[in-house]
């Protein structure tokens, strides 16, 4: 197998290894996916809202609820990783 033929395992939400991660995540699932629940943040929902307000994370409105596409969360993580030189 060469470098261009790598296998990508399906995403799994923390805490539920038997269930694959959906493509469209609720706010609670997005918090788990980004692991905001594992750091000392008083209000992870407010953190997601701030990311949206700053334009660094996009949400998708379906009916009256906001959801997060997994691909958008992955893009957000890529940008944060590229900007963080640690």
N, C-alpha and C. Protein backbone atom coordinates (compact mmCIF):
# COMPACT_ATOMS: atom_id res chain seq x y z
N UNK A 1 0.85 -1.17 0.00
CA UNK A 1 0.00 0.00 0.00
C UNK A 1 0.89 1.24 0.00
N UNK A 2 0.67 2.15 -0.92
CA UNK A 2 1.48 3.36 -0.96
C UNK A 2 0.82 4.47 -0.14
N UNK A 3 1.48 5.64 -0.07
CA UNK A 3 0.99 6.75 0.77
C UNK A 3 -0.39 7.23 0.36
N UNK A 4 -0.74 7.13 -0.91
CA UNK A 4 -2.03 7.65 -1.36
C UNK A 4 -3.16 6.67 -1.10
N UNK A 5 -2.86 5.46 -0.65
CA UNK A 5 -3.88 4.45 -0.39
C UNK A 5 -3.93 4.13 1.10
N UNK A 6 -4.38 5.08 1.89
CA UNK A 6 -4.46 4.83 3.32
C UNK A 6 -5.90 4.53 3.70
N UNK A 7 -6.06 3.77 4.75
CA UNK A 7 -7.38 3.39 5.21
C UNK A 7 -7.80 4.35 6.32
N UNK A 8 -9.00 4.88 6.20
CA UNK A 8 -9.53 5.79 7.21
C UNK A 8 -10.61 5.05 7.98
N UNK A 9 -10.42 4.91 9.27
CA UNK A 9 -11.40 4.25 10.11
C UNK A 9 -12.60 5.17 10.30
N UNK A 10 -13.79 4.60 10.44
CA UNK A 10 -14.96 5.44 10.67
C UNK A 10 -14.84 6.17 12.01
N UNK A 11 -15.34 7.38 12.05
CA UNK A 11 -15.29 8.17 13.28
C UNK A 11 -16.26 7.60 14.31
N UNK A 12 -15.85 7.62 15.55
CA UNK A 12 -16.64 7.13 16.66
C UNK A 12 -16.71 8.24 17.69
N UNK A 13 -17.90 8.51 18.22
CA UNK A 13 -18.02 9.51 19.27
C UNK A 13 -17.46 8.95 20.57
N UNK A 14 -16.73 9.76 21.34
CA UNK A 14 -16.24 9.28 22.63
C UNK A 14 -17.39 8.83 23.51
N UNK A 15 -17.18 7.74 24.21
CA UNK A 15 -18.20 7.24 25.13
C UNK A 15 -19.16 6.24 24.54
N UNK A 16 -19.13 6.04 23.20
CA UNK A 16 -20.04 5.08 22.58
C UNK A 16 -19.34 4.38 21.42
N UNK A 17 -18.38 3.50 21.72
CA UNK A 17 -17.59 2.88 20.66
C UNK A 17 -18.37 1.94 19.74
N UNK A 18 -19.57 1.55 20.14
CA UNK A 18 -20.35 0.62 19.32
C UNK A 18 -21.14 1.34 18.23
N UNK A 19 -21.22 2.66 18.30
CA UNK A 19 -22.05 3.43 17.36
C UNK A 19 -21.16 4.38 16.55
N UNK A 20 -21.19 4.27 15.23
CA UNK A 20 -20.39 5.20 14.42
C UNK A 20 -20.92 6.62 14.54
N UNK A 21 -20.04 7.56 14.37
CA UNK A 21 -20.40 8.98 14.46
C UNK A 21 -21.24 9.36 13.24
N UNK A 22 -22.37 10.04 13.46
CA UNK A 22 -23.19 10.47 12.32
C UNK A 22 -22.52 11.60 11.54
N UNK A 23 -22.98 11.83 10.33
CA UNK A 23 -22.46 12.92 9.51
C UNK A 23 -22.99 14.27 9.97
N UNK A 24 -24.17 14.27 10.58
CA UNK A 24 -24.81 15.48 11.07
C UNK A 24 -24.95 15.34 12.59
N UNK A 25 -24.26 16.20 13.33
CA UNK A 25 -24.20 16.07 14.78
C UNK A 25 -25.02 17.14 15.48
N UNK A 26 -25.63 16.75 16.59
CA UNK A 26 -26.31 17.70 17.46
C UNK A 26 -25.25 18.52 18.19
N UNK A 27 -25.69 19.54 18.90
CA UNK A 27 -24.75 20.34 19.69
C UNK A 27 -24.02 19.46 20.71
N UNK A 28 -24.76 18.61 21.38
CA UNK A 28 -24.15 17.74 22.39
C UNK A 28 -23.12 16.81 21.76
N UNK A 29 -23.43 16.27 20.59
CA UNK A 29 -22.48 15.38 19.90
C UNK A 29 -21.26 16.16 19.43
N UNK A 30 -21.45 17.39 18.96
CA UNK A 30 -20.33 18.22 18.53
C UNK A 30 -19.39 18.51 19.70
N UNK A 31 -19.98 18.75 20.87
CA UNK A 31 -19.18 18.97 22.07
C UNK A 31 -18.33 17.74 22.37
N UNK A 32 -18.91 16.56 22.25
CA UNK A 32 -18.15 15.32 22.45
C UNK A 32 -17.08 15.14 21.38
N UNK A 33 -17.44 15.40 20.13
CA UNK A 33 -16.53 15.22 19.00
C UNK A 33 -15.30 16.12 19.16
N UNK A 34 -15.52 17.37 19.57
CA UNK A 34 -14.41 18.31 19.76
C UNK A 34 -13.75 18.15 21.13
N UNK A 35 -14.33 17.28 21.96
CA UNK A 35 -13.82 16.98 23.29
C UNK A 35 -13.84 18.21 24.20
N UNK A 36 -14.78 19.09 23.96
CA UNK A 36 -14.91 20.28 24.80
C UNK A 36 -15.33 19.91 26.22
N UNK A 37 -15.90 18.73 26.37
CA UNK A 37 -16.32 18.27 27.69
C UNK A 37 -15.15 17.77 28.53
N UNK A 38 -13.97 17.65 27.95
CA UNK A 38 -12.82 17.11 28.68
C UNK A 38 -11.89 18.20 29.20
N UNK A 39 -12.16 19.43 28.83
CA UNK A 39 -11.35 20.55 29.31
C UNK A 39 -12.20 21.40 30.24
N UNK A 40 -11.56 22.24 30.98
CA UNK A 40 -12.29 23.01 31.99
C UNK A 40 -12.98 24.22 31.35
N UNK A 41 -14.09 23.96 30.67
CA UNK A 41 -14.91 25.01 30.07
C UNK A 41 -16.24 24.98 30.82
N UNK A 42 -16.63 26.13 31.35
CA UNK A 42 -17.87 26.19 32.14
C UNK A 42 -19.09 25.90 31.28
N UNK A 43 -19.10 26.40 30.05
CA UNK A 43 -20.28 26.25 29.18
C UNK A 43 -19.84 25.90 27.75
N UNK A 44 -19.68 24.60 27.45
CA UNK A 44 -19.25 24.21 26.10
C UNK A 44 -20.18 24.71 25.01
N UNK A 45 -21.47 24.83 25.29
CA UNK A 45 -22.42 25.34 24.30
C UNK A 45 -22.09 26.78 23.93
N UNK A 46 -21.71 27.57 24.92
CA UNK A 46 -21.32 28.96 24.65
C UNK A 46 -20.04 29.01 23.83
N UNK A 47 -19.15 28.06 24.04
CA UNK A 47 -17.93 28.00 23.25
C UNK A 47 -18.24 27.73 21.79
N UNK A 48 -19.15 26.78 21.52
CA UNK A 48 -19.57 26.53 20.13
C UNK A 48 -20.21 27.78 19.53
N UNK A 49 -21.04 28.45 20.31
CA UNK A 49 -21.70 29.68 19.83
C UNK A 49 -20.66 30.74 19.49
N UNK A 50 -19.65 30.89 20.34
CA UNK A 50 -18.58 31.86 20.08
C UNK A 50 -17.83 31.51 18.80
N UNK A 51 -17.53 30.23 18.59
CA UNK A 51 -16.86 29.82 17.36
C UNK A 51 -17.72 30.17 16.14
N UNK A 52 -19.03 29.95 16.25
CA UNK A 52 -19.93 30.31 15.14
C UNK A 52 -19.93 31.82 14.92
N UNK A 53 -20.07 32.58 16.00
CA UNK A 53 -20.11 34.04 15.90
C UNK A 53 -18.82 34.61 15.31
N UNK A 54 -17.70 33.97 15.61
CA UNK A 54 -16.40 34.42 15.08
C UNK A 54 -16.19 33.97 13.63
N UNK A 55 -17.07 33.10 13.16
CA UNK A 55 -16.96 32.62 11.78
C UNK A 55 -15.93 31.52 11.59
N UNK A 56 -15.48 30.89 12.66
CA UNK A 56 -14.47 29.83 12.52
C UNK A 56 -15.09 28.44 12.48
N UNK A 57 -16.38 28.34 12.78
CA UNK A 57 -17.09 27.06 12.73
C UNK A 57 -18.48 27.31 12.19
N UNK A 58 -18.85 26.54 11.18
CA UNK A 58 -20.17 26.71 10.58
C UNK A 58 -21.11 25.63 11.07
N UNK A 59 -22.36 26.04 11.29
CA UNK A 59 -23.42 25.11 11.66
C UNK A 59 -24.44 25.09 10.53
N UNK A 60 -25.28 24.09 10.53
CA UNK A 60 -26.33 23.94 9.53
C UNK A 60 -27.66 23.93 10.25
N UNK A 61 -28.56 24.81 9.83
CA UNK A 61 -29.88 24.84 10.44
C UNK A 61 -30.81 23.91 9.67
N UNK A 62 -31.42 22.99 10.40
CA UNK A 62 -32.43 22.09 9.85
C UNK A 62 -33.66 22.30 10.70
N UNK A 63 -34.72 22.75 10.05
CA UNK A 63 -35.94 23.13 10.76
C UNK A 63 -35.56 24.25 11.71
N UNK A 64 -35.76 24.06 13.00
CA UNK A 64 -35.44 25.13 13.96
C UNK A 64 -34.20 24.82 14.78
N UNK A 65 -33.48 23.75 14.43
CA UNK A 65 -32.31 23.35 15.22
C UNK A 65 -31.02 23.52 14.44
N UNK A 66 -29.96 23.76 15.17
CA UNK A 66 -28.63 23.82 14.56
C UNK A 66 -27.96 22.47 14.71
N UNK A 67 -27.31 22.05 13.64
CA UNK A 67 -26.51 20.84 13.63
C UNK A 67 -25.13 21.18 13.10
N UNK A 68 -24.21 20.27 13.32
CA UNK A 68 -22.84 20.46 12.86
C UNK A 68 -22.47 19.30 11.96
N UNK A 69 -22.11 19.62 10.71
CA UNK A 69 -21.63 18.56 9.81
C UNK A 69 -20.26 18.11 10.29
N UNK A 70 -20.05 16.82 10.29
CA UNK A 70 -18.77 16.29 10.74
C UNK A 70 -17.62 16.85 9.92
N UNK A 71 -17.83 17.03 8.63
CA UNK A 71 -16.78 17.58 7.78
C UNK A 71 -16.43 19.01 8.21
N UNK A 72 -17.40 19.78 8.68
CA UNK A 72 -17.12 21.14 9.17
C UNK A 72 -16.30 21.08 10.46
N UNK A 73 -16.63 20.14 11.33
CA UNK A 73 -15.86 19.99 12.56
C UNK A 73 -14.42 19.58 12.25
N UNK A 74 -14.25 18.69 11.26
CA UNK A 74 -12.91 18.28 10.86
C UNK A 74 -12.13 19.45 10.26
N UNK A 75 -12.78 20.27 9.43
CA UNK A 75 -12.12 21.46 8.86
C UNK A 75 -11.69 22.42 9.96
N UNK A 76 -12.58 22.61 10.94
CA UNK A 76 -12.26 23.47 12.08
C UNK A 76 -11.02 22.94 12.79
N UNK A 77 -10.97 21.64 13.04
CA UNK A 77 -9.82 21.04 13.73
C UNK A 77 -8.55 21.19 12.90
N UNK A 78 -8.65 21.04 11.59
CA UNK A 78 -7.48 21.23 10.72
C UNK A 78 -6.94 22.65 10.83
N UNK A 79 -7.85 23.64 10.77
CA UNK A 79 -7.42 25.05 10.86
C UNK A 79 -6.78 25.33 12.21
N UNK A 80 -7.40 24.86 13.28
CA UNK A 80 -6.86 25.09 14.62
C UNK A 80 -5.49 24.43 14.76
N UNK A 81 -5.35 23.24 14.22
CA UNK A 81 -4.07 22.53 14.29
C UNK A 81 -3.00 23.27 13.50
N UNK A 82 -3.34 23.76 12.31
CA UNK A 82 -2.36 24.49 11.49
C UNK A 82 -1.93 25.79 12.16
N UNK A 83 -2.85 26.45 12.85
CA UNK A 83 -2.54 27.73 13.51
C UNK A 83 -1.77 27.53 14.82
N UNK A 84 -1.88 26.36 15.42
CA UNK A 84 -1.24 26.08 16.69
C UNK A 84 0.11 25.41 16.42
N UNK A 85 1.15 26.11 16.69
CA UNK A 85 2.50 25.61 16.36
C UNK A 85 3.13 24.78 17.47
N UNK A 86 2.36 24.32 18.41
CA UNK A 86 2.90 23.49 19.51
C UNK A 86 3.20 22.10 19.06
